[in-house]
Each structure stands twice: as C-alpha cells, then as structure tokens.
C-alpha cells in the first residue's frame, strides 16, 4: 500500500489567490467582503471551511469590530483593500497556527497547527509514528488543551482504489473481514453483515461512518447487501468489490470529512515547561526526592525513570511499547550520558541537567512530532 503524505497549510496558499472583486461598481457591505474572503480562502485550502477562531483572529489583527464592519458600506477601493488585508491576516494566522492536510495515500487529514514546515510523510496508519518538522497548536475555538489540535480525515476514495487495484490486497482484505465476521466459524455470514464489514474497515481503510456519509445506505441497498441470506467467503468478496468500487467513486465526487481523536506530541508543551521557572522547579523537586532516596543511581537514570512514568503530563509522548518513542529516549539519554556519567546532588545542577534533557526532547519532537491515536 502507498504511504500517506501531509501537505502543510501554512498560509502560503493564500498569498497568490485571486483578490479581484466580483461586485459591480458601487458600494458593498463589509459582510459581502468577508463572505468573499471566506469563499476564496476556502477554495485555496481544498474546500475546507475556515475555523471561526481563525476568522475572528484575523479581524483582531486588523483591529476591526466584526459586527460594525459587517454593517459598514464600502466603496470599490475600500472593499478591495479590506479584502486583501483580511486574506493577508488569515494567511498570517495560518503561519502562526498552520493546518495540516494529508493527501490521500491512506486518506487525508487537516489539523490547525503552529510553526509548520513543508511536506510531511507518514510511514504507517493508524498514527503512532513520527513525521518531519511540524509544531502543532490547538484550534483556538476548541476547548481542548493548547497542544491538542483538531485533526480530521478527508476521505476521497483513493485508499479504496488501492485495495481494489491490487488483487492480492483485495483478496486478503475480503478474507480478513470474512474471518472476523464469521465469529462462529461456520464458513457462512449473512448478507446483512456487509454493513458490519464496512464499519469494521473504518476510516483507516477509507470508509466514512454511516452518520457522516448517508449515501452508504443507498449503496448497500442498491447491491442488495441486506437480508439473512448466507454467503460463503467467495460470495462475500464478490459482493464487497462493487460496493467498495461505487463508494470510491462517490467519495471521489464528494469527499467525507471525519474528525480524528489524535494527539500530537511536538515539543510545544515542553517549551512552556522550560519557560515556566516555577513549574520547572516543582518538577525538579519531585525528581530530587527520588534522587535522595537512590544516591547510588546516576542522575540521568533517575530523570529517565521519572520521565518514563510522568512524561505524558509534561508533554512527552507515552511509551506504551512504542518503538519510535523508546528509540527517542535511548538516543537522547545516550547523548546526555556521554558527558553526564556521575550523580549530581545539588539542586542547581539537577535543574541544568533536566533542562538539557528536556531541551533535547523538545528539539527532537519539533523536528519529528510523534502522533498517536487516543482511541487505541
């Protein structure tokens, strides 16, 4: 299967959009200017609607009262100027809070972020791996913590086509689905299990939830994928194939957008810890208590053990037998241990050592953020 890729929406897509006014000469309202700006910006961002917080932030950047501006009457020159200013402010906002949209190799995703670089490549799905430089912030309209961006999958049928175009991949998919659904190992399942098969495939395999894509119900009805008639594995595969084909075609015409419950560890929370002397001092105190109880241990060993247990609350990715995270810990502490073999007892020395370790973690996570699925 092909890898998935991420395209960074950092505002650069808005720098060269069409800023001409479609209005006839005469006055226009501020509301019309904002509607035009939203439409032009959305068209340049893969048809994705601008988050409300991004819109309001752009107005704040321009010191504009939204309600008053919407009522204002503008001449053609004023409208053109405000349109340009607003698009520029939105682009600047994306540069501070960029968005990530994955191009469909295993579908697409969008997340509002901060200080983003260029094209990113994912190596597997579900997430739980690292990608090149991206620092994510939250969508300010969301109530979640600052380091939890909104991430959505944009399903356009390409993943399904990958399965359908490779006979071996499709045969394995159909076999695995049939085995999972044949819980009693009878070698038969009902036609009505086709809906369960699609749910089982899920967003990771390019299937939108039924609630997000009602057309799925019509597709199943069209192919008579209902009723109690029992199917063998070969019959199941024969029924599945045209359903997936029609769904891929439908998604190509009308993409489905699905919110993903994904956490991104990118070093931003660690940067806040390092900038907060009180919080850092409290963390050192917690580690020092363990240090005094185990004087025979190296300071780096004590810090590593503490971070492995408590790192999640500080902004580090959880270990959870994640090979990428384990390798990250190994690399950082191997580097630190090259020059920090002895134990330290003074608090100031511990602060210096902890800062160095957290700085290295922050640098690595900024360069290669770690994504993990909160549902798994």
Foldseek 3Di string as FASTA:
>chain_A
DDWKKKFKQQLPLLPDWDLADPDDFDKDALLVLLVVLQVRVCVSVVNDGDPPLLQVQLCVVVVHDVVVRRGDIDGRVRSSVVSVSSSVSSSNSCAAFMWMWMDPPQFIKIWTAGNADGMWIDDDPPFQFWIFFTGGFDDVVDPDHGQFIWMKTKFQLNLLVVCLVDVVSLLVLLVVLVVVQPPVPPQKFFLLCLLVSLVVCDSSSRRDDCVQPVVLVVLSVVLVSDDGDIDGSVRSSVSNNVSSVVVNVVSNVPITMGIAQKGKQQLPLLVVCLVDVVNLLVVLVVLLVVCVVCVVDASLVSVLVCCQVPVVVSRQDHPPVRPNSVVLSVVLSVVLCVPRVHHDNDSVVSSVSVSSSSVSRNVVSSGIMGMDGPVD
